[in-house]
Each structure stands twice: as structure tokens, then as C-alpha cells.
Amino acid sequence: MSAKTAWGAVSGGRLAAPSVRFCAALALFGIFLAAGVQDATAASAGEKRRVEIGLKIFRATLAADLNLVQKLDQQQGLAIVLFYANDRASAERYRERLAEPGGLLEHRLHISLSDDPALRAFSASPPAAMFITEPRLPLATLQSLKTFSARHSRVLFSPFEADVERGVATGLFVGARVQPFVNSRALRASSISLQDFFLDIAKKTD
């Protein structure tokens, strides 16, 4: 399926734009991210910068979800969960950053925080996607988040490359430039379909 066809399949769901604008926006987005590579790769303090860049790629990842309109909440917005293990204060800052207008999404984001890897408070009404805010989560914690993602067919995103290599469906990769990073096996396990153009520019692991 072509990028134009894939984007057209969801244009009626009030995503922000048709395929031409989407592709142009991602191209400009890539230029911006390339300029931020040095910040993103700086040790330790750069982890927070990596999360901030990840929030931008996260928005693009959501916009590329072909079934996004089926994941709207009762207010016709997108429920998002930011998962943190210990640092709630940073997660609060990331929530404020993610809530800022702009990007490829037209739908309002309804953002919650959780430190429960089983996301029990959301089992009856799953969010559209989950974002991991801290690196080096215990394997059991990561597995619980992955299980929720697969069970409910929801995007799980981590800005930390090791998490994608450990089975998180989507994230970011920092090399000569910053790219979306996808785990193809995790996407299949979660029955998540992303727009062709997005997958073409993403780094992939299986």
C-alpha cells in the first residue's frame, strides 16, 4: 500500500493533514532532529534531552497509526499514559511538554501518569498509547508494559534504544541522524499497523 493510500485511509478521522503535508512535515522534522543529535547523545543529562526528542517522534508515531481513530476516547481525544518508575517530577514536566500544541495530531491529548506497569487503572478503557519516561526499567516491569500493549493493540513507545531492542514496539534511534525506531516483531504481536512512509524512514529491528 502506498504512503498516499495509507494516509488517505485515515484522513477522515481528523488527523491533521493529507499525505503531502504529512511527508513534508516529517522531512522538516528530520532536519530538526538531526540538529539535536549531539544533545541527545550526551551522557546522563542527555537522557532527559532524549526523552524530549522522543516526545516529538511519539507524536509522529501516533499520527502514523492506521487505526488511530478507533482508539479515540469518549471525548474524541487521545488518552496517553506516561509511565515512570521513580521520577514523577520529570514525568510531570514531560506531560506539560507533550500537551503543548503543534505537531501532526489534531486530536486533543488527555495525558495521565502511572507507575503501575500492569496499568490496571486503564484495563477497562485502554489509552491510545503509552510512553516510557525512564531508562533501564527492570525486565519484569518492561514485560508488563509489553503485555498490556499486545493485549490491547496499543502503541508502546520508549525513547531508549535498548528498550526497543528488548521488545518495545516503537522508539527512537540516534545515529548519524535521529530516526523512528520500530521493533517489527512487537508491532506484529500487538497488531499495530503504521503508515508505509513512516516505516520507510524508520530504523527496524526484529
C-alpha atoms as a PDB file:
ATOM      1  CA  MET A   1       0.000   0.000   0.000  1.00  0.00           C
ATOM      2  CA  SER A   2       1.422   3.378  -0.956  1.00  0.00           C
ATOM      3  CA  ALA A   3       2.019   6.180   1.536  1.00  0.00           C
ATOM      4  CA  LYS A   4      -0.699   8.231  -0.153  1.00  0.00           C
ATOM      5  CA  THR A   5      -3.190   5.391   0.043  1.00  0.00           C
ATOM      6  CA  ALA A   6      -2.352   4.612   3.659  1.00  0.00           C
ATOM      7  CA  TRP A   7      -2.725   8.223   4.736  1.00  0.00           C
ATOM      8  CA  GLY A   8      -5.952   8.574   2.815  1.00  0.00           C
ATOM      9  CA  ALA A   9      -7.360   5.639   4.758  1.00  0.00           C
ATOM     10  CA  VAL A  10      -7.310   7.687   7.944  1.00  0.00           C
ATOM     11  CA  SER A  11      -7.801  11.220   6.652  1.00  0.00           C
ATOM     12  CA  GLY A  12     -11.482  11.049   7.549  1.00  0.00           C
ATOM     13  CA  GLY A  13     -10.501  10.514  11.174  1.00  0.00           C
ATOM     14  CA  ARG A  14      -9.388  14.105  11.629  1.00  0.00           C
ATOM     15  CA  LEU A  15      -5.672  13.567  11.543  1.00  0.00           C
ATOM     16  CA  ALA A  16      -4.153  16.909  10.784  1.00  0.00           C
ATOM     17  CA  ALA A  17      -3.339  16.714   7.078  1.00  0.00           C
ATOM     18  CA  PRO A  18      -3.186  14.740   3.818  1.00  0.00           C
ATOM     19  CA  SER A  19      -0.150  12.727   2.772  1.00  0.00           C
ATOM     20  CA  VAL A  20       1.774  15.528   1.041  1.00  0.00           C
ATOM     21  CA  ARG A  21       1.764  17.705   4.137  1.00  0.00           C
ATOM     22  CA  PHE A  22       2.487  14.713   6.341  1.00  0.00           C
ATOM     23  CA  CYS A  23       5.560  13.772   4.318  1.00  0.00           C
ATOM     24  CA  ALA A  24       6.802  17.363   4.178  1.00  0.00           C
ATOM     25  CA  ALA A  25       6.329  17.765   7.910  1.00  0.00           C
ATOM     26  CA  LEU A  26       8.276  14.593   8.613  1.00  0.00           C
ATOM     27  CA  ALA A  27      11.075  15.785   6.318  1.00  0.00           C
ATOM     28  CA  LEU A  28      11.371  19.082   8.188  1.00  0.00           C
ATOM     29  CA  PHE A  29      11.037  17.172  11.439  1.00  0.00           C
ATOM     30  CA  GLY A  30      14.025  15.040  10.417  1.00  0.00           C
ATOM     31  CA  ILE A  31      16.158  18.113   9.755  1.00  0.00           C
ATOM     32  CA  PHE A  32      15.325  19.477  13.200  1.00  0.00           C
ATOM     33  CA  LEU A  33      16.135  16.201  14.894  1.00  0.00           C
ATOM     34  CA  ALA A  34      19.444  15.868  13.056  1.00  0.00           C
ATOM     35  CA  ALA A  35      20.440  19.205  14.544  1.00  0.00           C
ATOM     36  CA  GLY A  36      19.722  17.815  18.018  1.00  0.00           C
ATOM     37  CA  VAL A  37      21.817  14.640  17.781  1.00  0.00           C
ATOM     38  CA  GLN A  38      24.727  15.927  19.871  1.00  0.00           C
ATOM     39  CA  ASP A  39      22.393  16.917  22.695  1.00  0.00           C
ATOM     40  CA  ALA A  40      20.603  13.593  22.535  1.00  0.00           C
ATOM     41  CA  THR A  41      23.787  11.543  22.757  1.00  0.00           C
ATOM     42  CA  ALA A  42      25.352  13.425  25.665  1.00  0.00           C
ATOM     43  CA  ALA A  43      25.825  11.139  28.666  1.00  0.00           C
ATOM     44  CA  SER A  44      23.363  11.064  31.571  1.00  0.00           C
ATOM     45  CA  ALA A  45      21.977  14.610  31.301  1.00  0.00           C
ATOM     46  CA  GLY A  46      21.273  13.773  27.670  1.00  0.00           C
ATOM     47  CA  GLU A  47      18.744  11.168  28.745  1.00  0.00           C
ATOM     48  CA  LYS A  48      16.239  13.896  29.538  1.00  0.00           C
ATOM     49  CA  ARG A  49      17.001  15.550  26.204  1.00  0.00           C
ATOM     50  CA  ARG A  50      16.455  12.175  24.544  1.00  0.00           C
ATOM     51  CA  VAL A  51      13.029  11.945  26.165  1.00  0.00           C
ATOM     52  CA  GLU A  52      12.118  15.432  24.913  1.00  0.00           C
ATOM     53  CA  ILE A  53      13.117  14.496  21.361  1.00  0.00           C
ATOM     54  CA  GLY A  54      11.259  11.229  21.821  1.00  0.00           C
ATOM     55  CA  LEU A  55       8.068  13.140  22.602  1.00  0.00           C
ATOM     56  CA  LYS A  56       8.228  14.668  19.116  1.00  0.00           C
ATOM     57  CA  ILE A  57       8.772  11.301  17.432  1.00  0.00           C
ATOM     58  CA  PHE A  58       5.998   9.889  19.619  1.00  0.00           C
ATOM     59  CA  ARG A  59       3.535  12.375  18.128  1.00  0.00           C
ATOM     60  CA  ALA A  60       4.608  11.365  14.617  1.00  0.00           C
ATOM     61  CA  THR A  61       4.272   7.698  15.555  1.00  0.00           C
ATOM     62  CA  LEU A  62       0.718   8.259  16.757  1.00  0.00           C
ATOM     63  CA  ALA A  63      -0.114  10.121  13.534  1.00  0.00           C
ATOM     64  CA  ALA A  64       1.173   7.113  11.568  1.00  0.00           C
ATOM     65  CA  ASP A  65      -1.103   4.617  13.378  1.00  0.00           C
ATOM     66  CA  LEU A  66      -3.588   3.495  10.726  1.00  0.00           C
ATOM     67  CA  ASN A  67      -6.160   2.544  13.372  1.00  0.00           C
ATOM     68  CA  LEU A  68      -5.818   5.671  15.468  1.00  0.00           C
ATOM     69  CA  VAL A  69      -9.414   6.815  15.008  1.00  0.00           C
ATOM     70  CA  GLN A  70     -10.575   3.571  16.599  1.00  0.00           C
ATOM     71  CA  LYS A  71      -8.602   4.458  19.737  1.00  0.00           C
ATOM     72  CA  LEU A  72     -10.225   7.815  20.499  1.00  0.00           C
ATOM     73  CA  ASP A  73     -11.684   8.194  23.968  1.00  0.00           C
ATOM     74  CA  GLN A  74     -15.245   9.253  24.791  1.00  0.00           C
ATOM     75  CA  GLN A  75     -14.294  12.906  24.372  1.00  0.00           C
ATOM     76  CA  GLN A  76     -12.907  12.162  20.879  1.00  0.00           C
ATOM     77  CA  GLY A  77      -9.392  12.761  22.145  1.00  0.00           C
ATOM     78  CA  LEU A  78      -6.366  10.543  22.596  1.00  0.00           C
ATOM     79  CA  ALA A  79      -5.707   9.164  26.060  1.00  0.00           C
ATOM     80  CA  ILE A  80      -1.955   8.873  26.654  1.00  0.00           C
ATOM     81  CA  VAL A  81      -0.169   7.326  29.634  1.00  0.00           C
ATOM     82  CA  LEU A  82       3.338   8.406  30.595  1.00  0.00           C
ATOM     83  CA  PHE A  83       4.895   5.576  32.576  1.00  0.00           C
ATOM     84  CA  TYR A  84       7.506   6.408  35.220  1.00  0.00           C
ATOM     85  CA  ALA A  85       9.189   4.121  37.745  1.00  0.00           C
ATOM     86  CA  ASN A  86      10.621   6.583  40.274  1.00  0.00           C
ATOM     87  CA  ASP A  87      10.864  10.123  38.913  1.00  0.00           C
ATOM     88  CA  ARG A  88       7.348  11.548  38.922  1.00  0.00           C
ATOM     89  CA  ALA A  89       8.598  15.145  38.845  1.00  0.00           C
ATOM     90  CA  SER A  90      10.268  14.623  35.459  1.00  0.00           C
ATOM     91  CA  ALA A  91       7.183  12.797  34.184  1.00  0.00           C
ATOM     92  CA  GLU A  92       5.087  15.836  35.138  1.00  0.00           C
ATOM     93  CA  ARG A  93       7.402  18.062  33.088  1.00  0.00           C
ATOM     94  CA  TYR A  94       7.177  15.709  30.131  1.00  0.00           C
ATOM     95  CA  ARG A  95       3.385  15.805  30.414  1.00  0.00           C
ATOM     96  CA  GLU A  96       3.470  19.585  30.123  1.00  0.00           C
ATOM     97  CA  ARG A  97       5.775  19.364  27.116  1.00  0.00           C
ATOM     98  CA  LEU A  98       3.650  16.748  25.359  1.00  0.00           C
ATOM     99  CA  ALA A  99       0.498  18.784  25.999  1.00  0.00           C
ATOM    100  CA  GLU A 100       1.894  21.774  24.092  1.00  0.00           C
ATOM    101  CA  PRO A 101       0.021  22.337  20.803  1.00  0.00           C
ATOM    102  CA  GLY A 102       1.622  21.559  17.480  1.00  0.00           C
ATOM    103  CA  GLY A 103       2.852  18.569  15.531  1.00  0.00           C
ATOM    104  CA  LEU A 104       0.927  16.235  13.262  1.00  0.00           C
ATOM    105  CA  LEU A 105      -2.017  15.482  15.548  1.00  0.00           C
ATOM    106  CA  GLU A 106      -5.289  17.384  15.545  1.00  0.00           C
ATOM    107  CA  HIS A 107      -6.882  15.462  18.381  1.00  0.00           C
ATOM    108  CA  ARG A 108      -6.539  16.746  21.927  1.00  0.00           C
ATOM    109  CA  LEU A 109      -4.260  14.649  24.128  1.00  0.00           C
ATOM    110  CA  HIS A 110      -5.571  13.539  27.535  1.00  0.00           C
ATOM    111  CA  ILE A 111      -2.378  12.676  29.387  1.00  0.00           C
ATOM    112  CA  SER A 112      -2.141  10.614  32.568  1.00  0.00           C
ATOM    113  CA  LEU A 113       0.814   9.429  34.636  1.00  0.00           C
ATOM    114  CA  SER A 114       1.228   5.926  36.029  1.00  0.00           C
ATOM    115  CA  ASP A 115       3.871   3.980  37.935  1.00  0.00           C
ATOM    116  CA  ASP A 116       1.908   0.721  37.680  1.00  0.00           C
ATOM    117  CA  PRO A 117       3.470  -1.438  34.927  1.00  0.00           C
ATOM    118  CA  ALA A 118       0.266  -3.506  34.688  1.00  0.00           C
ATOM    119  CA  LEU A 119      -1.708  -0.280  34.032  1.00  0.00           C
ATOM    120  CA  ARG A 120      -4.613  -1.751  35.985  1.00  0.00           C
ATOM    121  CA  ALA A 121      -6.429   1.587  36.161  1.00  0.00           C
ATOM    122  CA  PHE A 122      -6.667   1.554  32.358  1.00  0.00           C
ATOM    123  CA  SER A 123      -7.632  -2.060  31.695  1.00  0.00           C
ATOM    124  CA  ALA A 124     -11.305  -1.279  31.038  1.00  0.00           C
ATOM    125  CA  SER A 125     -10.562   1.730  28.850  1.00  0.00           C
ATOM    126  CA  PRO A 126      -7.074   1.391  27.341  1.00  0.00           C
ATOM    127  CA  PRO A 127      -5.207   4.549  26.334  1.00  0.00           C
ATOM    128  CA  ALA A 128      -4.305   5.158  22.702  1.00  0.00           C
ATOM    129  CA  ALA A 129      -0.610   4.792  23.543  1.00  0.00           C
ATOM    130  CA  MET A 130       1.940   4.562  26.347  1.00  0.00           C
ATOM    131  CA  PHE A 131       5.275   6.395  26.648  1.00  0.00           C
ATOM    132  CA  ILE A 132       8.152   5.236  28.884  1.00  0.00           C
ATOM    133  CA  THR A 133       9.880   8.177  30.592  1.00  0.00           C
ATOM    134  CA  GLU A 134      12.777   6.429  32.362  1.00  0.00           C
ATOM    135  CA  PRO A 135      15.626   4.197  31.130  1.00  0.00           C
ATOM    136  CA  ARG A 136      16.802   0.835  32.449  1.00  0.00           C
ATOM    137  CA  LEU A 137      13.484  -0.489  33.672  1.00  0.00           C
ATOM    138  CA  PRO A 138      13.549  -3.956  35.257  1.00  0.00           C
ATOM    139  CA  LEU A 139      12.728  -6.717  32.791  1.00  0.00           C
ATOM    140  CA  ALA A 140       9.566  -7.630  34.696  1.00  0.00           C
ATOM    141  CA  THR A 141       8.318  -4.040  34.501  1.00  0.00           C
ATOM    142  CA  LEU A 142       9.035  -3.826  30.795  1.00  0.00           C
ATOM    143  CA  GLN A 143       7.344  -7.170  30.198  1.00  0.00           C
ATOM    144  CA  SER A 144       4.156  -5.993  31.920  1.00  0.00           C
ATOM    145  CA  LEU A 145       4.016  -2.910  29.714  1.00  0.00           C
ATOM    146  CA  LYS A 146       4.656  -5.011  26.599  1.00  0.00           C
ATOM    147  CA  THR A 147       1.909  -7.432  27.604  1.00  0.00           C
ATOM    148  CA  PHE A 148      -0.589  -4.586  28.001  1.00  0.00           C
ATOM    149  CA  SER A 149       0.442  -3.194  24.598  1.00  0.00           C
ATOM    150  CA  ALA A 150      -0.042  -6.543  22.872  1.00  0.00           C
ATOM    151  CA  ARG A 151      -3.314  -7.378  24.644  1.00  0.00           C
ATOM    152  CA  HIS A 152      -4.971  -4.081  23.748  1.00  0.00           C
ATOM    153  CA  SER A 153      -3.210  -3.366  20.423  1.00  0.00           C
ATOM    154  CA  ARG A 154      -1.825  -0.070  21.680  1.00  0.00           C
ATOM    155  CA  VAL A 155       1.457   1.637  20.797  1.00  0.00           C
ATOM    156  CA  LEU A 156       4.169   1.353  23.444  1.00  0.00           C
ATOM    157  CA  PHE A 157       6.963   3.882  22.887  1.00  0.00           C
ATOM    158  CA  SER A 158      10.342   4.262  24.558  1.00  0.00           C
ATOM    159  CA  PRO A 159      12.971   6.900  23.701  1.00  0.00           C
ATOM    160  CA  PHE A 160      15.659   4.491  24.911  1.00  0.00           C
ATOM    161  CA  GLU A 161      17.089   2.260  22.171  1.00  0.00           C
ATOM    162  CA  ALA A 162      17.736  -0.695  24.466  1.00  0.00           C
ATOM    163  CA  ASP A 163      14.022  -0.936  25.220  1.00  0.00           C
ATOM    164  CA  VAL A 164      13.111  -1.287  21.544  1.00  0.00           C
ATOM    165  CA  GLU A 165      15.781  -3.966  21.220  1.00  0.00           C
ATOM    166  CA  ARG A 166      14.144  -5.683  24.233  1.00  0.00           C
ATOM    167  CA  GLY A 167      10.753  -5.771  22.545  1.00  0.00           C
ATOM    168  CA  VAL A 168       9.109  -2.352  22.926  1.00  0.00           C
ATOM    169  CA  ALA A 169       7.249  -1.669  19.685  1.00  0.00           C
ATOM    170  CA  THR A 170       8.401   1.882  18.891  1.00  0.00           C
ATOM    171  CA  GLY A 171      11.010   4.436  19.887  1.00  0.00           C
ATOM    172  CA  LEU A 172      13.872   6.464  18.509  1.00  0.00           C
ATOM    173  CA  PHE A 173      17.349   5.663  17.234  1.00  0.00           C
ATOM    174  CA  VAL A 174      20.280   8.057  17.423  1.00  0.00           C
ATOM    175  CA  GLY A 175      22.981   7.558  14.795  1.00  0.00           C
ATOM    176  CA  ALA A 176      24.226   9.974  12.151  1.00  0.00           C
ATOM    177  CA  ARG A 177      20.679  11.303  12.400  1.00  0.00           C
ATOM    178  CA  VAL A 178      17.699  10.670  14.636  1.00  0.00           C
ATOM    179  CA  GLN A 179      15.136   8.206  13.258  1.00  0.00           C
ATOM    180  CA  PRO A 180      11.995   6.494  14.455  1.00  0.00           C
ATOM    181  CA  PHE A 181      12.906   3.009  15.687  1.00  0.00           C
ATOM    182  CA  VAL A 182      10.464   0.103  15.416  1.00  0.00           C
ATOM    183  CA  ASN A 183      10.523  -3.485  16.564  1.00  0.00           C
ATOM    184  CA  SER A 184       8.761  -5.337  13.741  1.00  0.00           C
ATOM    185  CA  ARG A 185       8.004  -8.411  15.825  1.00  0.00           C
ATOM    186  CA  ALA A 186       6.439  -6.335  18.599  1.00  0.00           C
ATOM    187  CA  LEU A 187       4.308  -4.446  16.084  1.00  0.00           C
ATOM    188  CA  ARG A 188       3.016  -7.739  14.705  1.00  0.00           C
ATOM    189  CA  ALA A 189       2.382  -9.120  18.201  1.00  0.00           C
ATOM    190  CA  SER A 190       0.389  -6.007  19.053  1.00  0.00           C
ATOM    191  CA  SER A 191      -1.477  -5.968  15.701  1.00  0.00           C
ATOM    192  CA  ILE A 192      -0.372  -2.368  15.185  1.00  0.00           C
ATOM    193  CA  SER A 193      -0.250  -1.068  11.608  1.00  0.00           C
ATOM    194  CA  LEU A 194       1.809   2.031  10.849  1.00  0.00           C
ATOM    195  CA  GLN A 195       1.758   4.161   7.737  1.00  0.00           C
ATOM    196  CA  ASP A 196       4.109   2.963   4.977  1.00  0.00           C
ATOM    197  CA  PHE A 197       6.015   6.227   4.669  1.00  0.00           C
ATOM    198  CA  PHE A 198       6.747   6.247   8.388  1.00  0.00           C
ATOM    199  CA  LEU A 199       8.092   2.690   8.232  1.00  0.00           C
ATOM    200  CA  ASP A 200      10.230   3.595   5.215  1.00  0.00           C
ATOM    201  CA  ILE A 201      12.145   6.221   7.216  1.00  0.00           C
ATOM    202  CA  ALA A 202      12.336   4.201  10.426  1.00  0.00           C
ATOM    203  CA  LYS A 203      15.190   2.009  11.607  1.00  0.00           C
ATOM    204  CA  LYS A 204      13.934  -1.518  12.210  1.00  0.00           C
ATOM    205  CA  THR A 205      14.839  -4.414  14.449  1.00  0.00           C
ATOM    206  CA  ASP A 206      13.180  -7.788  14.850  1.00  0.00           C
END
